Every structure is written in structure tokens, then in C-alpha cells.
N, C-alpha and C. Protein backbone atom coordinates (compact mmCIF):
# COMPACT_ATOMS: atom_id res chain seq x y z
N MET A 1 1.03 -1.17 0.24
CA MET A 1 0.16 0.21 0.26
C MET A 1 0.69 0.81 -0.16
N ARG A 2 0.42 2.10 -1.20
CA ARG A 2 0.97 3.28 -0.64
C ARG A 2 0.30 5.17 0.11
N THR A 3 1.16 4.49 1.45
CA THR A 3 0.74 5.17 2.46
C THR A 3 1.33 6.25 3.06
N ALA A 4 1.95 7.16 3.56
CA ALA A 4 2.89 8.44 5.00
C ALA A 4 1.61 8.42 5.75
N GLN A 5 3.03 9.80 6.59
CA GLN A 5 2.14 9.95 7.62
C GLN A 5 3.17 10.73 7.94
N VAL A 6 2.99 12.18 7.68
CA VAL A 6 4.30 14.05 7.80
C VAL A 6 3.67 14.61 9.13
N THR A 7 4.53 14.90 9.56
CA THR A 7 3.57 15.89 10.56
C THR A 7 4.44 17.20 10.25
N ARG A 8 4.28 18.53 9.94
CA ARG A 8 4.56 19.54 10.25
C ARG A 8 4.73 20.44 11.50
N ASN A 9 5.50 21.48 12.04
CA ASN A 9 4.93 21.76 13.00
C ASN A 9 6.28 23.12 12.79
N THR A 10 5.17 24.33 12.73
CA THR A 10 6.20 26.05 13.16
C THR A 10 5.29 26.01 14.05
N LEU A 11 6.26 27.44 14.40
CA LEU A 11 5.61 28.76 15.73
C LEU A 11 4.02 29.50 14.93
N GLU A 12 3.53 29.03 13.93
CA GLU A 12 2.65 29.28 13.59
C GLU A 12 1.30 28.31 12.87
N THR A 13 1.94 26.92 13.14
CA THR A 13 1.06 25.40 12.97
C THR A 13 2.06 24.10 12.77
N GLN A 14 0.46 23.86 13.44
CA GLN A 14 0.68 22.05 13.70
C GLN A 14 -0.33 21.77 12.65
N VAL A 15 0.59 20.28 11.54
CA VAL A 15 -0.09 20.17 10.69
C VAL A 15 -0.15 18.50 10.86
N THR A 16 -0.63 17.48 10.70
CA THR A 16 -0.85 15.69 10.28
C THR A 16 -1.14 15.42 9.37
N VAL A 17 -0.85 15.42 8.69
CA VAL A 17 -1.27 14.32 7.39
C VAL A 17 -1.06 13.27 7.02
N SER A 18 -2.17 12.17 6.85
CA SER A 18 -1.50 10.81 7.00
C SER A 18 -2.52 10.19 4.89
N LEU A 19 -2.56 9.57 5.09
CA LEU A 19 -3.05 9.46 3.52
C LEU A 19 -2.70 8.15 2.43
N ASN A 20 -3.65 7.05 1.84
CA ASN A 20 -3.24 6.07 0.98
C ASN A 20 -3.84 6.67 -0.39
N LEU A 21 -2.29 6.64 -0.75
CA LEU A 21 -3.26 6.73 -2.60
C LEU A 21 -3.89 5.10 -2.86
N ASP A 22 -4.04 4.75 -2.32
CA ASP A 22 -4.87 2.95 -3.07
C ASP A 22 -5.98 2.88 -1.83
N GLY A 23 -6.43 4.16 -1.48
CA GLY A 23 -7.58 4.35 -0.45
C GLY A 23 -8.85 3.69 -1.61
N THR A 24 -10.19 4.30 -0.17
CA THR A 24 -11.90 4.43 -1.14
C THR A 24 -12.50 6.04 -0.94
N GLY A 25 -11.79 6.58 -0.56
CA GLY A 25 -11.50 7.71 -0.31
C GLY A 25 -12.72 8.47 1.00
N ILE A 26 -11.88 7.49 1.82
CA ILE A 26 -12.41 8.12 2.97
C ILE A 26 -12.14 9.07 3.68
N ALA A 27 -12.71 10.73 3.73
CA ALA A 27 -11.78 11.65 5.03
C ALA A 27 -11.91 11.19 5.87
N ARG A 28 -11.22 12.19 6.54
CA ARG A 28 -10.96 12.35 7.91
C ARG A 28 -10.34 13.75 8.95
N LEU A 29 -11.23 14.72 8.65
CA LEU A 29 -10.72 16.07 7.81
C LEU A 29 -11.39 17.14 9.32
N ALA A 30 -10.01 18.18 10.28
CA ALA A 30 -10.12 19.20 10.76
C ALA A 30 -8.92 20.11 10.69
N SER A 31 -8.78 20.82 9.94
CA SER A 31 -8.44 21.89 9.90
C SER A 31 -8.17 23.07 10.66
N GLY A 32 -9.98 23.49 11.17
CA GLY A 32 -10.19 24.40 11.46
C GLY A 32 -10.19 25.55 10.47
N VAL A 33 -10.98 24.97 9.71
CA VAL A 33 -10.73 25.68 8.57
C VAL A 33 -12.28 25.43 7.17
N PRO A 34 -13.48 26.06 8.09
CA PRO A 34 -14.82 24.54 7.32
C PRO A 34 -14.88 24.19 6.07
N PHE A 35 -14.40 25.34 5.21
CA PHE A 35 -14.76 25.78 3.87
C PHE A 35 -13.58 24.46 3.27
N LEU A 36 -12.13 24.53 3.44
CA LEU A 36 -10.79 24.18 3.04
C LEU A 36 -11.42 22.85 3.58
N ASP A 37 -11.87 21.69 5.12
CA ASP A 37 -11.76 21.04 4.44
C ASP A 37 -13.27 19.96 3.68
N HIS A 38 -13.88 21.09 3.38
CA HIS A 38 -15.21 20.78 2.29
C HIS A 38 -14.55 20.62 1.13
N MET A 39 -13.35 20.96 0.74
CA MET A 39 -12.49 21.18 -0.87
C MET A 39 -11.59 19.63 -0.30
N LEU A 40 -10.88 19.69 0.78
CA LEU A 40 -10.07 18.79 0.99
C LEU A 40 -11.03 17.18 0.60
N ASP A 41 -12.12 17.24 0.92
CA ASP A 41 -13.20 15.95 1.02
C ASP A 41 -13.28 15.94 -0.03
N GLN A 42 -13.31 16.85 -0.93
CA GLN A 42 -13.46 16.30 -2.95
C GLN A 42 -12.02 15.54 -3.28
N ILE A 43 -10.80 15.76 -2.88
CA ILE A 43 -9.62 15.65 -3.13
C ILE A 43 -10.18 13.86 -2.85
N ALA A 44 -10.13 13.77 -1.69
CA ALA A 44 -10.40 12.13 -1.79
C ALA A 44 -11.27 11.51 -1.71
N ARG A 45 -13.11 12.16 -2.21
CA ARG A 45 -13.69 11.32 -2.53
C ARG A 45 -13.52 10.81 -4.50
N HIS A 46 -12.94 12.24 -4.54
CA HIS A 46 -12.71 11.94 -6.02
C HIS A 46 -11.33 11.64 -6.85
N GLY A 47 -10.66 11.70 -5.83
CA GLY A 47 -9.25 11.20 -5.55
C GLY A 47 -8.77 9.53 -5.42
N LEU A 48 -10.10 8.62 -4.74
CA LEU A 48 -10.15 7.32 -4.22
C LEU A 48 -8.64 7.79 -3.02
N ILE A 49 -8.73 8.66 -2.21
CA ILE A 49 -7.84 8.78 -1.74
C ILE A 49 -8.24 8.94 0.03
N ASP A 50 -6.99 7.61 0.39
CA ASP A 50 -7.69 7.90 2.07
C ASP A 50 -6.84 8.80 2.90
N LEU A 51 -7.63 9.75 2.76
CA LEU A 51 -7.09 11.11 3.51
C LEU A 51 -7.71 12.06 4.87
N GLU A 52 -7.04 11.74 6.21
CA GLU A 52 -6.98 12.40 7.09
C GLU A 52 -6.01 13.24 7.41
N ILE A 53 -6.51 14.53 7.99
CA ILE A 53 -5.46 15.71 8.29
C ILE A 53 -6.67 16.20 9.84
N GLN A 54 -4.68 16.61 10.02
CA GLN A 54 -5.22 17.14 11.74
C GLN A 54 -4.63 18.78 12.09
N ALA A 55 -4.95 19.97 11.54
CA ALA A 55 -4.09 21.32 12.33
C ALA A 55 -4.73 21.95 12.56
N THR A 56 -3.86 22.38 13.30
CA THR A 56 -4.17 23.38 14.86
C THR A 56 -3.54 24.93 13.98
N GLY A 57 -3.15 26.06 13.56
CA GLY A 57 -2.97 27.01 13.60
C GLY A 57 -3.51 28.86 14.18
N ASP A 58 -2.91 29.24 13.74
CA ASP A 58 -3.13 30.86 13.96
C ASP A 58 -4.51 31.38 13.39
N LEU A 59 -5.38 30.83 13.70
CA LEU A 59 -7.07 31.60 13.30
C LEU A 59 -7.17 32.86 13.42
N HIS A 60 -6.66 32.71 14.85
CA HIS A 60 -7.03 34.20 15.53
C HIS A 60 -6.03 35.56 14.62
N ILE A 61 -5.59 35.02 13.57
CA ILE A 61 -4.82 36.43 12.68
C ILE A 61 -5.66 36.02 11.18
N ASP A 62 -6.10 35.40 10.94
CA ASP A 62 -6.09 34.38 9.30
C ASP A 62 -5.97 32.95 8.95
N ALA A 63 -6.83 32.29 7.93
CA ALA A 63 -6.57 31.55 7.60
C ALA A 63 -5.01 31.39 6.81
N HIS A 64 -4.26 31.88 6.55
CA HIS A 64 -3.25 31.92 5.75
C HIS A 64 -2.85 30.95 5.78
N HIS A 65 -1.72 30.86 7.16
CA HIS A 65 -1.05 29.65 7.33
C HIS A 65 -1.20 28.16 7.53
N THR A 66 -1.98 28.22 8.02
CA THR A 66 -3.32 26.73 8.44
C THR A 66 -3.55 26.94 7.15
N VAL A 67 -3.51 27.18 5.53
CA VAL A 67 -4.23 26.93 4.28
C VAL A 67 -2.52 26.16 3.92
N GLU A 68 -2.00 27.36 3.98
CA GLU A 68 -0.79 27.34 2.79
C GLU A 68 0.29 26.14 3.56
N ASP A 69 0.47 26.24 5.07
CA ASP A 69 0.41 24.88 5.54
C ASP A 69 0.29 23.17 6.05
N THR A 70 -1.04 23.35 5.42
CA THR A 70 -1.85 22.01 4.79
C THR A 70 -1.40 21.28 3.44
N GLY A 71 -1.46 22.33 2.68
CA GLY A 71 -1.20 21.96 1.38
C GLY A 71 0.98 21.79 1.13
N ILE A 72 1.10 22.27 2.26
CA ILE A 72 3.10 21.53 2.56
C ILE A 72 2.86 20.58 2.66
N THR A 73 2.18 20.39 3.13
CA THR A 73 2.12 19.09 4.21
C THR A 73 1.68 17.70 3.75
N PHE A 74 0.52 18.40 2.59
CA PHE A 74 -0.61 17.69 1.64
C PHE A 74 0.41 16.72 0.89
N GLY A 75 1.95 17.81 0.11
CA GLY A 75 1.87 17.66 -0.71
C GLY A 75 4.02 16.79 -0.12
N GLN A 76 4.57 16.49 0.95
CA GLN A 76 5.31 16.25 1.72
C GLN A 76 4.45 14.31 1.58
N ALA A 77 3.51 14.50 2.51
CA ALA A 77 3.07 12.83 2.50
C ALA A 77 2.51 12.06 1.31
N PHE A 78 2.08 13.07 0.89
CA PHE A 78 2.05 12.54 -1.48
C PHE A 78 2.98 12.32 -1.86
N ALA A 79 4.27 13.02 -1.95
CA ALA A 79 5.57 12.83 -2.27
C ALA A 79 5.84 11.03 -1.88
N LYS A 80 6.46 11.36 -0.29
CA LYS A 80 6.42 10.18 0.39
C LYS A 80 5.74 8.83 -0.11
N ALA A 81 4.27 8.62 -0.30
CA ALA A 81 3.32 7.55 -0.53
C ALA A 81 3.44 7.13 -2.09
N LEU A 82 4.04 8.11 -2.73
CA LEU A 82 3.68 7.86 -4.50
C LEU A 82 5.66 6.90 -4.00
N GLY A 83 6.39 7.58 -3.60
CA GLY A 83 7.77 6.53 -3.65
C GLY A 83 8.49 6.37 -4.86
N ASP A 84 8.68 5.96 -5.45
CA ASP A 84 9.93 5.57 -6.71
C ASP A 84 9.25 5.76 -7.82
N LYS A 85 7.58 5.19 -8.23
CA LYS A 85 7.16 6.29 -8.74
C LYS A 85 7.18 5.41 -10.54
N LYS A 86 7.29 4.19 -10.32
CA LYS A 86 7.62 3.01 -11.22
C LYS A 86 6.39 2.79 -11.53
N GLY A 87 5.97 2.49 -12.37
CA GLY A 87 5.04 1.81 -13.33
C GLY A 87 3.56 2.45 -13.19
N ILE A 88 3.73 4.20 -12.59
CA ILE A 88 2.67 4.64 -12.94
C ILE A 88 2.19 5.03 -13.98
N ARG A 89 0.85 5.55 -14.77
CA ARG A 89 0.35 6.96 -15.47
C ARG A 89 1.50 7.73 -15.98
N ARG A 90 1.23 8.39 -14.71
CA ARG A 90 2.32 9.85 -14.19
C ARG A 90 1.55 10.96 -14.45
N TYR A 91 0.82 11.11 -15.81
CA TYR A 91 0.04 12.29 -15.79
C TYR A 91 -1.36 11.74 -15.98
N GLY A 92 -2.19 13.01 -15.58
CA GLY A 92 -3.22 13.14 -15.14
C GLY A 92 -4.32 14.59 -15.38
N HIS A 93 -5.49 14.20 -15.20
CA HIS A 93 -6.72 15.74 -16.62
C HIS A 93 -7.67 14.71 -16.09
N ALA A 94 -8.23 15.96 -16.57
CA ALA A 94 -9.95 16.40 -15.52
C ALA A 94 -10.96 17.21 -15.90
N TYR A 95 -12.18 17.08 -16.11
CA TYR A 95 -12.72 18.11 -16.55
C TYR A 95 -14.01 18.65 -15.91
N VAL A 96 -14.07 18.92 -15.21
CA VAL A 96 -15.03 18.89 -14.09
C VAL A 96 -16.36 19.59 -13.92
N PRO A 97 -16.97 19.76 -14.33
CA PRO A 97 -18.43 20.66 -14.10
C PRO A 97 -19.44 20.68 -13.11
N LEU A 98 -20.39 21.70 -12.76
CA LEU A 98 -21.25 21.30 -11.72
C LEU A 98 -21.58 23.03 -11.67
N ASP A 99 -22.95 22.43 -12.16
CA ASP A 99 -23.88 23.27 -13.09
C ASP A 99 -23.58 24.35 -13.97
N GLU A 100 -23.58 25.64 -13.49
CA GLU A 100 -22.92 25.91 -14.41
C GLU A 100 -21.48 26.48 -14.81
N ALA A 101 -20.53 25.94 -13.43
CA ALA A 101 -18.85 26.40 -13.90
C ALA A 101 -18.05 24.27 -14.47
N LEU A 102 -17.05 24.88 -15.11
CA LEU A 102 -16.44 24.13 -15.13
C LEU A 102 -15.32 24.15 -15.61
N SER A 103 -14.46 23.31 -14.58
CA SER A 103 -12.30 23.76 -14.47
C SER A 103 -12.28 22.13 -15.49
N ARG A 104 -11.21 22.55 -15.83
CA ARG A 104 -9.90 21.57 -16.46
C ARG A 104 -8.39 21.62 -15.17
N VAL A 105 -7.69 20.43 -14.69
CA VAL A 105 -6.99 19.86 -14.18
C VAL A 105 -5.97 19.47 -14.64
N VAL A 106 -5.17 19.66 -14.98
CA VAL A 106 -3.29 18.68 -15.43
C VAL A 106 -2.57 18.67 -15.21
N ILE A 107 -2.42 16.76 -14.31
CA ILE A 107 -1.15 17.16 -13.51
C ILE A 107 -0.20 16.07 -14.02
N ASP A 108 1.55 16.33 -13.95
CA ASP A 108 2.40 15.62 -14.02
C ASP A 108 3.20 15.75 -13.41
N LEU A 109 3.45 14.48 -12.77
CA LEU A 109 3.98 13.58 -11.34
C LEU A 109 5.83 14.40 -12.15
N SER A 110 6.41 14.80 -12.81
CA SER A 110 7.32 15.02 -12.76
C SER A 110 9.02 14.79 -11.88
N GLY A 111 8.88 15.22 -11.05
CA GLY A 111 9.55 15.59 -10.36
C GLY A 111 9.83 16.37 -10.32
N ARG A 112 9.33 18.26 -10.91
CA ARG A 112 9.92 19.74 -11.18
C ARG A 112 8.46 20.19 -10.90
N PRO A 113 8.70 20.76 -9.61
CA PRO A 113 7.23 21.96 -8.95
C PRO A 113 7.03 23.10 -10.34
N GLY A 114 5.71 22.84 -10.84
CA GLY A 114 4.94 24.38 -11.41
C GLY A 114 4.19 24.40 -11.52
N LEU A 115 3.42 25.74 -11.42
CA LEU A 115 2.03 25.49 -11.16
C LEU A 115 1.84 27.04 -12.04
N GLU A 116 0.64 26.54 -13.32
CA GLU A 116 -0.19 27.28 -13.88
C GLU A 116 -1.47 27.39 -13.65
N TYR A 117 -1.94 28.48 -12.89
CA TYR A 117 -3.17 28.34 -11.75
C TYR A 117 -3.96 30.03 -12.71
N HIS A 118 -4.73 29.25 -13.42
CA HIS A 118 -5.53 30.65 -14.09
C HIS A 118 -7.17 30.36 -13.89
N VAL A 119 -7.93 31.01 -12.07
CA VAL A 119 -9.00 31.00 -11.87
C VAL A 119 -8.79 32.29 -11.43
N ASP A 120 -10.35 33.34 -12.17
CA ASP A 120 -10.62 34.89 -11.37
C ASP A 120 -12.55 33.77 -11.02
N TYR A 121 -11.84 33.97 -9.42
CA TYR A 121 -13.40 33.62 -9.08
C TYR A 121 -14.52 35.15 -9.10
N THR A 122 -15.66 34.71 -8.77
CA THR A 122 -16.26 36.40 -9.27
C THR A 122 -16.80 36.94 -8.20
N ARG A 123 -15.87 35.78 -7.03
CA ARG A 123 -16.30 37.06 -5.27
C ARG A 123 -15.30 36.23 -5.04
N ALA A 124 -15.02 37.85 -3.93
CA ALA A 124 -13.42 37.53 -3.40
C ALA A 124 -13.20 36.48 -1.88
N ARG A 125 -14.63 36.15 -1.24
CA ARG A 125 -14.86 35.29 -0.47
C ARG A 125 -16.14 34.34 -0.65
N ILE A 126 -15.43 32.93 0.26
CA ILE A 126 -16.86 32.49 -0.19
C ILE A 126 -17.37 31.58 1.21
N GLY A 127 -18.55 32.42 2.05
CA GLY A 127 -18.88 32.52 3.28
C GLY A 127 -17.30 33.17 3.98
N GLU A 128 -16.97 32.46 4.60
CA GLU A 128 -15.50 33.31 5.31
C GLU A 128 -14.14 33.16 5.28
N PHE A 129 -14.94 32.75 4.30
CA PHE A 129 -12.72 31.25 3.94
C PHE A 129 -12.09 33.27 2.12
N ASP A 130 -10.97 33.00 2.71
CA ASP A 130 -10.65 34.09 1.55
C ASP A 130 -10.30 33.15 -0.07
N VAL A 131 -11.09 33.33 -1.31
CA VAL A 131 -9.99 32.40 -2.28
C VAL A 131 -9.02 32.42 -3.09
N ASP A 132 -8.45 33.51 -2.20
CA ASP A 132 -6.95 34.01 -2.87
C ASP A 132 -6.60 32.34 -1.84
N LEU A 133 -6.71 32.22 -1.12
CA LEU A 133 -5.50 31.04 -0.07
C LEU A 133 -5.67 29.84 -0.74
N PHE A 134 -6.79 29.20 -2.14
CA PHE A 134 -6.20 28.24 -2.68
C PHE A 134 -5.09 28.14 -3.73
N LEU A 135 -4.63 29.41 -4.25
CA LEU A 135 -3.63 29.07 -5.07
C LEU A 135 -2.44 28.83 -4.03
N GLU A 136 -2.22 29.91 -2.41
CA GLU A 136 -1.00 29.00 -1.22
C GLU A 136 -1.14 28.13 -0.95
N PHE A 137 -2.55 27.06 -1.56
CA PHE A 137 -2.52 25.83 -1.09
C PHE A 137 -2.05 24.75 -1.84
N PHE A 138 -2.14 25.11 -3.29
CA PHE A 138 -1.51 24.35 -4.63
C PHE A 138 -0.13 24.89 -4.39
N ARG A 139 0.24 26.17 -4.36
CA ARG A 139 1.97 26.35 -3.84
C ARG A 139 2.18 25.68 -3.24
N GLY A 140 1.63 25.62 -2.13
CA GLY A 140 2.37 24.56 -1.14
C GLY A 140 2.66 23.26 -1.81
N PHE A 141 1.38 22.52 -1.91
CA PHE A 141 1.20 21.31 -2.66
C PHE A 141 2.48 20.78 -3.82
N ILE A 142 2.57 22.01 -4.39
CA ILE A 142 3.67 21.38 -5.55
C ILE A 142 5.14 21.15 -5.55
N ASN A 143 5.62 22.33 -4.61
CA ASN A 143 6.55 22.88 -4.01
C ASN A 143 7.10 21.63 -3.49
N HIS A 144 6.30 20.92 -2.33
CA HIS A 144 6.96 19.92 -2.07
C HIS A 144 6.74 18.22 -2.30
N ALA A 145 5.66 18.16 -3.23
CA ALA A 145 5.08 17.42 -4.30
C ALA A 145 5.61 16.88 -5.37
N GLY A 146 6.90 17.89 -5.64
CA GLY A 146 7.30 17.76 -7.32
C GLY A 146 7.04 17.49 -8.25
N VAL A 147 5.79 18.58 -8.78
CA VAL A 147 4.63 17.95 -9.49
C VAL A 147 4.54 19.30 -10.36
N THR A 148 3.86 18.91 -11.77
CA THR A 148 3.66 20.36 -12.48
C THR A 148 2.05 20.04 -12.49
N LEU A 149 1.31 21.32 -12.09
CA LEU A 149 0.00 21.54 -11.89
C LEU A 149 -0.73 22.36 -12.72
N HIS A 150 -1.59 22.68 -13.67
CA HIS A 150 -1.97 23.18 -14.19
C HIS A 150 -3.48 23.63 -13.76
N ILE A 151 -3.61 24.05 -13.74
CA ILE A 151 -5.28 24.37 -13.40
C ILE A 151 -5.85 25.69 -14.40
N ASP A 152 -6.68 25.05 -14.66
CA ASP A 152 -8.13 26.27 -15.91
C ASP A 152 -9.18 26.67 -15.20
N ASN A 153 -9.53 27.37 -14.63
CA ASN A 153 -11.19 27.61 -14.46
C ASN A 153 -11.71 27.91 -16.05
N LEU A 154 -12.57 27.54 -16.00
CA LEU A 154 -13.45 27.93 -17.90
C LEU A 154 -14.07 28.35 -17.63
N ARG A 155 -15.66 28.26 -17.18
CA ARG A 155 -16.81 29.23 -17.15
C ARG A 155 -16.86 28.67 -15.21
N GLY A 156 -17.64 29.67 -15.08
CA GLY A 156 -18.47 30.21 -13.26
C GLY A 156 -18.50 31.21 -13.71
N ILE A 157 -19.72 31.71 -12.43
CA ILE A 157 -20.27 31.94 -12.00
C ILE A 157 -20.47 32.49 -10.34
N ASN A 158 -21.02 31.48 -10.30
CA ASN A 158 -20.92 30.97 -8.69
C ASN A 158 -19.36 30.35 -8.33
N ALA A 159 -18.82 31.52 -6.97
CA ALA A 159 -17.02 30.92 -7.06
C ALA A 159 -17.52 30.06 -5.58
N HIS A 160 -18.09 29.08 -4.92
CA HIS A 160 -18.27 27.89 -4.79
C HIS A 160 -18.30 26.73 -5.47
N HIS A 161 -19.34 26.39 -6.27
CA HIS A 161 -19.01 25.98 -7.50
C HIS A 161 -17.88 26.44 -8.60
N GLN A 162 -17.38 27.40 -9.27
CA GLN A 162 -15.89 27.53 -9.24
C GLN A 162 -14.53 26.51 -8.09
N ALA A 163 -14.85 26.70 -7.06
CA ALA A 163 -13.94 25.99 -6.23
C ALA A 163 -14.24 24.74 -5.85
N GLU A 164 -15.68 24.29 -6.49
CA GLU A 164 -15.29 22.63 -5.82
C GLU A 164 -15.43 21.65 -7.15
N THR A 165 -15.15 22.79 -8.57
CA THR A 165 -14.86 21.61 -10.10
C THR A 165 -13.21 21.77 -9.88
N ILE A 166 -12.73 23.06 -9.39
CA ILE A 166 -11.30 22.92 -9.73
C ILE A 166 -10.51 21.76 -8.14
N PHE A 167 -11.34 21.68 -7.27
CA PHE A 167 -10.70 20.56 -6.66
C PHE A 167 -11.15 19.13 -6.80
N LYS A 168 -12.27 19.14 -6.99
CA LYS A 168 -12.84 17.73 -8.02
C LYS A 168 -11.67 17.04 -9.02
N ALA A 169 -12.33 17.80 -9.73
CA ALA A 169 -10.72 17.89 -10.80
C ALA A 169 -9.34 17.61 -10.72
N PHE A 170 -9.05 18.21 -9.60
CA PHE A 170 -7.87 17.81 -8.73
C PHE A 170 -7.18 16.22 -8.60
N GLY A 171 -8.76 15.45 -7.78
CA GLY A 171 -8.67 14.83 -7.32
C GLY A 171 -8.70 13.23 -8.84
N ARG A 172 -9.38 14.13 -9.52
CA ARG A 172 -9.87 13.29 -10.39
C ARG A 172 -8.30 12.74 -11.18
N ALA A 173 -8.05 14.26 -11.13
CA ALA A 173 -6.50 13.38 -12.57
C ALA A 173 -5.22 13.43 -11.17
N LEU A 174 -4.92 13.01 -9.90
CA LEU A 174 -4.38 12.63 -8.99
C LEU A 174 -4.64 11.48 -9.59
N ARG A 175 -5.95 11.14 -9.48
CA ARG A 175 -5.89 10.13 -9.07
C ARG A 175 -5.73 8.57 -10.22
N MET A 176 -5.92 9.61 -11.71
CA MET A 176 -5.60 9.55 -12.38
C MET A 176 -3.79 8.89 -12.98
N ALA A 177 -3.05 10.13 -12.50
CA ALA A 177 -1.35 10.18 -12.66
C ALA A 177 -1.48 8.62 -12.05
N VAL A 178 -1.55 8.54 -10.58
CA VAL A 178 -0.98 7.94 -9.76
C VAL A 178 -1.31 6.21 -9.93
N GLU A 179 -2.23 6.22 -10.78
CA GLU A 179 -2.83 4.91 -10.72
C GLU A 179 -1.99 3.95 -11.50
N PRO A 180 -1.33 2.31 -11.00
CA PRO A 180 -0.37 1.14 -12.36
C PRO A 180 -1.09 1.70 -12.85
N ASP A 181 0.29 1.04 -14.32
CA ASP A 181 -0.39 1.66 -15.87
C ASP A 181 0.36 0.08 -15.95
N ALA A 182 -0.78 -0.98 -16.17
CA ALA A 182 0.01 -1.87 -16.60
C ALA A 182 0.85 -2.37 -17.55
N ARG A 183 0.52 -2.03 -18.63
CA ARG A 183 1.62 -2.11 -19.74
C ARG A 183 3.18 -1.06 -19.01
N MET A 184 3.16 -0.36 -18.13
CA MET A 184 4.14 -0.12 -18.14
C MET A 184 5.29 -0.20 -17.56
N GLY A 185 4.48 -1.64 -16.61
CA GLY A 185 5.13 -2.55 -16.30
C GLY A 185 5.63 -1.70 -14.41
N ASP A 186 7.10 -2.07 -14.58
CA ASP A 186 7.61 -1.57 -13.35
C ASP A 186 8.91 -0.51 -13.93
N VAL A 187 8.64 -0.06 -14.78
CA VAL A 187 9.53 1.03 -15.56
C VAL A 187 8.89 2.66 -14.71
N LEU A 188 10.26 2.64 -14.96
CA LEU A 188 9.86 4.52 -14.58
C LEU A 188 9.65 5.01 -15.61
N PRO A 189 8.49 5.72 -16.01
CA PRO A 189 7.72 6.26 -17.06
C PRO A 189 8.30 8.37 -17.54
N SER A 190 9.70 8.18 -17.74
CA SER A 190 10.97 9.00 -18.58
C SER A 190 11.55 8.20 -19.32
N THR A 191 11.73 8.90 -20.12
CA THR A 191 12.89 8.76 -21.32
C THR A 191 14.86 9.11 -20.17
N LYS A 192 14.66 10.14 -19.62
CA LYS A 192 15.16 10.38 -18.50
C LYS A 192 16.39 9.55 -17.77
N GLY A 193 15.49 8.76 -17.24
CA GLY A 193 15.47 7.75 -16.12
C GLY A 193 15.23 8.25 -14.90
N ALA A 194 14.56 9.31 -14.90
CA ALA A 194 14.30 9.84 -13.16
C ALA A 194 13.69 10.72 -13.16
N LEU A 195 12.86 11.01 -12.39
CA LEU A 195 11.73 11.72 -11.52
C LEU A 195 11.51 12.48 -11.13
């Protein structure tokens, strides 16, 4: 089983992420940021990743450090669980609609962090959640998971729908990329011989 547990402790946050890349989509989430938990649940459910996240942070200031450090710790745990990457598909993509909203996410488990994030939210807050923090989450993830990630919200009027399509598509793209490729066997999916 491709599993990992990582704990990150700073003066601002304490975050523990446990995950199983070969799970069934079970999520146990307690970040202290309810809308973030709702989005993390999308990753677990649509990525078929068992995901447990416990976080405490300086929410009396705002949610920035908690959201960013959750992304960082999730990225670290993801990289650890993925292992040597032999026999995986490596690439994943998904288009996900939700009513009027549509997002596309494409991922390459390249070993190189890169992010193209093209999302124009129709409002700055979803409830109490600042939508700018999603960019910090994904930056934290890609920098510590070592992946190239393209996120495009193609359309949407409702910001909640925009966010949800992004996280559902992210989960589905992850699921495709980490999936074992029977035709690849035990070969690393790279002509360089390294990822």
C-alpha cells in the first residue's frame, strides 16, 4: 500500500497528514477551516485517496498559514507515499462541471514543481473563506510534492461552484496520474530514467 504520514510543526501551525493513495475516498478532516475541509473532502472522494488531516494554527490572525501549511504537508505526504514512481501513469487530467461552472486540471508527476493557476473567482470570499488562499494551498502542494500542475477554471458564476470543480478535477487528475499502468510494468515513465 502506498501510504504516508507527515507532521509539520512551526510557530504558526501544527499539521499532520496521513494518506493512502490506494484508498477508497475516506476522509477525516479537521483543519479548523470548514470550507478548506469541504474542498479536501473532494480530493479524497474523487481521487479515491484515504485522507486524514489534523491542523491547528493561528486562526485568530487569519487562515493563511493553516491553508498554506496544509498544502505543504499534503505535498510532502503525497511524495512520500508515491515512492519511486515506477509503473505509474505519471500524467493525469480531468474536466469537471458543476452546474454553470467548469474546470480543467492537468498534472504531471514530473519531480519538478510548476504551477499554472488561471482562476478568476467571481467574488473574493466564499462565506468566511478568502479564495486567494487556494493559490497558496496549491503552491505549497506542488513545491513539496514535486509536480507540475495546470489549473484552469474555464467558466463559472458561482464562486463555490468554481472552487468545487477545481478540487474535484484535482482529485480525479491525481487519481489518474498515480494509477498503476499495467503496460508500463515496473518501468519509470521517463526517458531520462529519473523523475
